[in-house]
Amino acid sequence: MFGTIITLNVGIFLTLISIIYSVLGK
């Protein structure tokens, strides 16, 4: 269960980076 939480946090972190990168890309 702890591993699942880490996986979810990594997924959210990567999603935020992708969104920020897209905004800065414009």
PDB file of N, CA and C in Angstrom:
ATOM      1  N   MET A   1       0.846  -1.200   0.000  1.00  0.00           N
ATOM      2  CA  MET A   1       0.000   0.000   0.000  1.00  0.00           C
ATOM      3  C   MET A   1       0.883   1.252   0.000  1.00  0.00           C
ATOM      4  N   PHE A   2       1.978   1.186   0.755  1.00  0.00           N
ATOM      5  CA  PHE A   2       2.896   2.328   0.789  1.00  0.00           C
ATOM      6  C   PHE A   2       3.508   2.551  -0.585  1.00  0.00           C
ATOM      7  N   GLY A   3       3.791   1.457  -1.284  1.00  0.00           N
ATOM      8  CA  GLY A   3       4.360   1.562  -2.637  1.00  0.00           C
ATOM      9  C   GLY A   3       3.363   2.197  -3.590  1.00  0.00           C
ATOM     10  N   THR A   4       2.080   1.896  -3.382  1.00  0.00           N
ATOM     11  CA  THR A   4       1.039   2.470  -4.249  1.00  0.00           C
ATOM     12  C   THR A   4       0.971   3.980  -4.065  1.00  0.00           C
ATOM     13  N   ILE A   5       1.106   4.417  -2.818  1.00  0.00           N
ATOM     14  CA  ILE A   5       1.061   5.861  -2.530  1.00  0.00           C
ATOM     15  C   ILE A   5       2.228   6.557  -3.219  1.00  0.00           C
ATOM     16  N   ILE A   6       3.409   5.945  -3.170  1.00  0.00           N
ATOM     17  CA  ILE A   6       4.587   6.533  -3.823  1.00  0.00           C
ATOM     18  C   ILE A   6       4.348   6.619  -5.323  1.00  0.00           C
ATOM     19  N   THR A   7       3.787   5.562  -5.902  1.00  0.00           N
ATOM     20  CA  THR A   7       3.529   5.551  -7.346  1.00  0.00           C
ATOM     21  C   THR A   7       2.560   6.666  -7.724  1.00  0.00           C
ATOM     22  N   LEU A   8       1.514   6.854  -6.912  1.00  0.00           N
ATOM     23  CA  LEU A   8       0.532   7.912  -7.195  1.00  0.00           C
ATOM     24  C   LEU A   8       1.186   9.281  -7.088  1.00  0.00           C
ATOM     25  N   ASN A   9       2.044   9.470  -6.078  1.00  0.00           N
ATOM     26  CA  ASN A   9       2.723  10.762  -5.907  1.00  0.00           C
ATOM     27  C   ASN A   9       3.626  11.049  -7.092  1.00  0.00           C
ATOM     28  N   VAL A  10       4.342  10.030  -7.585  1.00  0.00           N
ATOM     29  CA  VAL A  10       5.229  10.211  -8.737  1.00  0.00           C
ATOM     30  C   VAL A  10       4.396  10.575  -9.959  1.00  0.00           C
ATOM     31  N   GLY A  11       3.259   9.923 -10.140  1.00  0.00           N
ATOM     32  CA  GLY A  11       2.392  10.204 -11.288  1.00  0.00           C
ATOM     33  C   GLY A  11       1.877  11.631 -11.249  1.00  0.00           C
ATOM     34  N   ILE A  12       1.456  12.083 -10.068  1.00  0.00           N
ATOM     35  CA  ILE A  12       0.962  13.461  -9.925  1.00  0.00           C
ATOM     36  C   ILE A  12       2.095  14.441 -10.172  1.00  0.00           C
ATOM     37  N   PHE A  13       3.287  14.136  -9.655  1.00  0.00           N
ATOM     38  CA  PHE A  13       4.444  15.014  -9.821  1.00  0.00           C
ATOM     39  C   PHE A  13       4.796  15.163 -11.288  1.00  0.00           C
ATOM     40  N   LEU A  14       4.806  14.042 -12.022  1.00  0.00           N
ATOM     41  CA  LEU A  14       5.126  14.088 -13.456  1.00  0.00           C
ATOM     42  C   LEU A  14       4.045  14.850 -14.216  1.00  0.00           C
ATOM     43  N   THR A  15       2.793  14.693 -13.796  1.00  0.00           N
ATOM     44  CA  THR A  15       1.693  15.404 -14.461  1.00  0.00           C
ATOM     45  C   THR A  15       1.844  16.912 -14.281  1.00  0.00           C
ATOM     46  N   LEU A  16       2.191  17.336 -13.063  1.00  0.00           N
ATOM     47  CA  LEU A  16       2.370  18.768 -12.797  1.00  0.00           C
ATOM     48  C   LEU A  16       3.522  19.316 -13.624  1.00  0.00           C
ATOM     49  N   ILE A  17       4.621  18.560 -13.734  1.00  0.00           N
ATOM     50  CA  ILE A  17       5.771  19.001 -14.534  1.00  0.00           C
ATOM     51  C   ILE A  17       5.356  19.140 -15.994  1.00  0.00           C
ATOM     52  N   SER A  18       4.575  18.188 -16.496  1.00  0.00           N
ATOM     53  CA  SER A  18       4.128  18.235 -17.896  1.00  0.00           C
ATOM     54  C   SER A  18       3.268  19.474 -18.142  1.00  0.00           C
ATOM     55  N   ILE A  19       2.364  19.780 -17.209  1.00  0.00           N
ATOM     56  CA  ILE A  19       1.489  20.952 -17.354  1.00  0.00           C
ATOM     57  C   ILE A  19       2.320  22.232 -17.323  1.00  0.00           C
ATOM     58  N   ILE A  20       3.232  22.346 -16.360  1.00  0.00           N
ATOM     59  CA  ILE A  20       4.077  23.550 -16.246  1.00  0.00           C
ATOM     60  C   ILE A  20       4.933  23.695 -17.493  1.00  0.00           C
ATOM     61  N   TYR A  21       5.490  22.578 -17.981  1.00  0.00           N
ATOM     62  CA  TYR A  21       6.336  22.627 -19.176  1.00  0.00           C
ATOM     63  C   TYR A  21       5.530  23.091 -20.383  1.00  0.00           C
ATOM     64  N   SER A  22       4.279  22.648 -20.470  1.00  0.00           N
ATOM     65  CA  SER A  22       3.419  23.043 -21.594  1.00  0.00           C
ATOM     66  C   SER A  22       3.100  24.534 -21.519  1.00  0.00           C
ATOM     67  N   VAL A  23       2.827  25.031 -20.325  1.00  0.00           N
ATOM     68  CA  VAL A  23       2.505  26.455 -20.148  1.00  0.00           C
ATOM     69  C   VAL A  23       3.723  27.308 -20.489  1.00  0.00           C
ATOM     70  N   LEU A  24       4.895  26.905 -20.002  1.00  0.00           N
ATOM     71  CA  LEU A  24       6.115  27.670 -20.279  1.00  0.00           C
ATOM     72  C   LEU A  24       6.492  27.551 -21.747  1.00  0.00           C
ATOM     73  N   GLY A  25       6.095  26.420 -22.373  1.00  0.00           N
ATOM     74  CA  GLY A  25       6.415  26.203 -23.786  1.00  0.00           C
ATOM     75  C   GLY A  25       5.708  27.218 -24.668  1.00  0.00           C
ATOM     76  N   LYS A  26       4.534  27.680 -24.210  1.00  0.00           N
ATOM     77  CA  LYS A  26       3.782  28.670 -24.985  1.00  0.00           C
ATOM     78  C   LYS A  26       4.426  30.046 -24.789  1.00  0.00           C
TER      79      LYS A  26
END
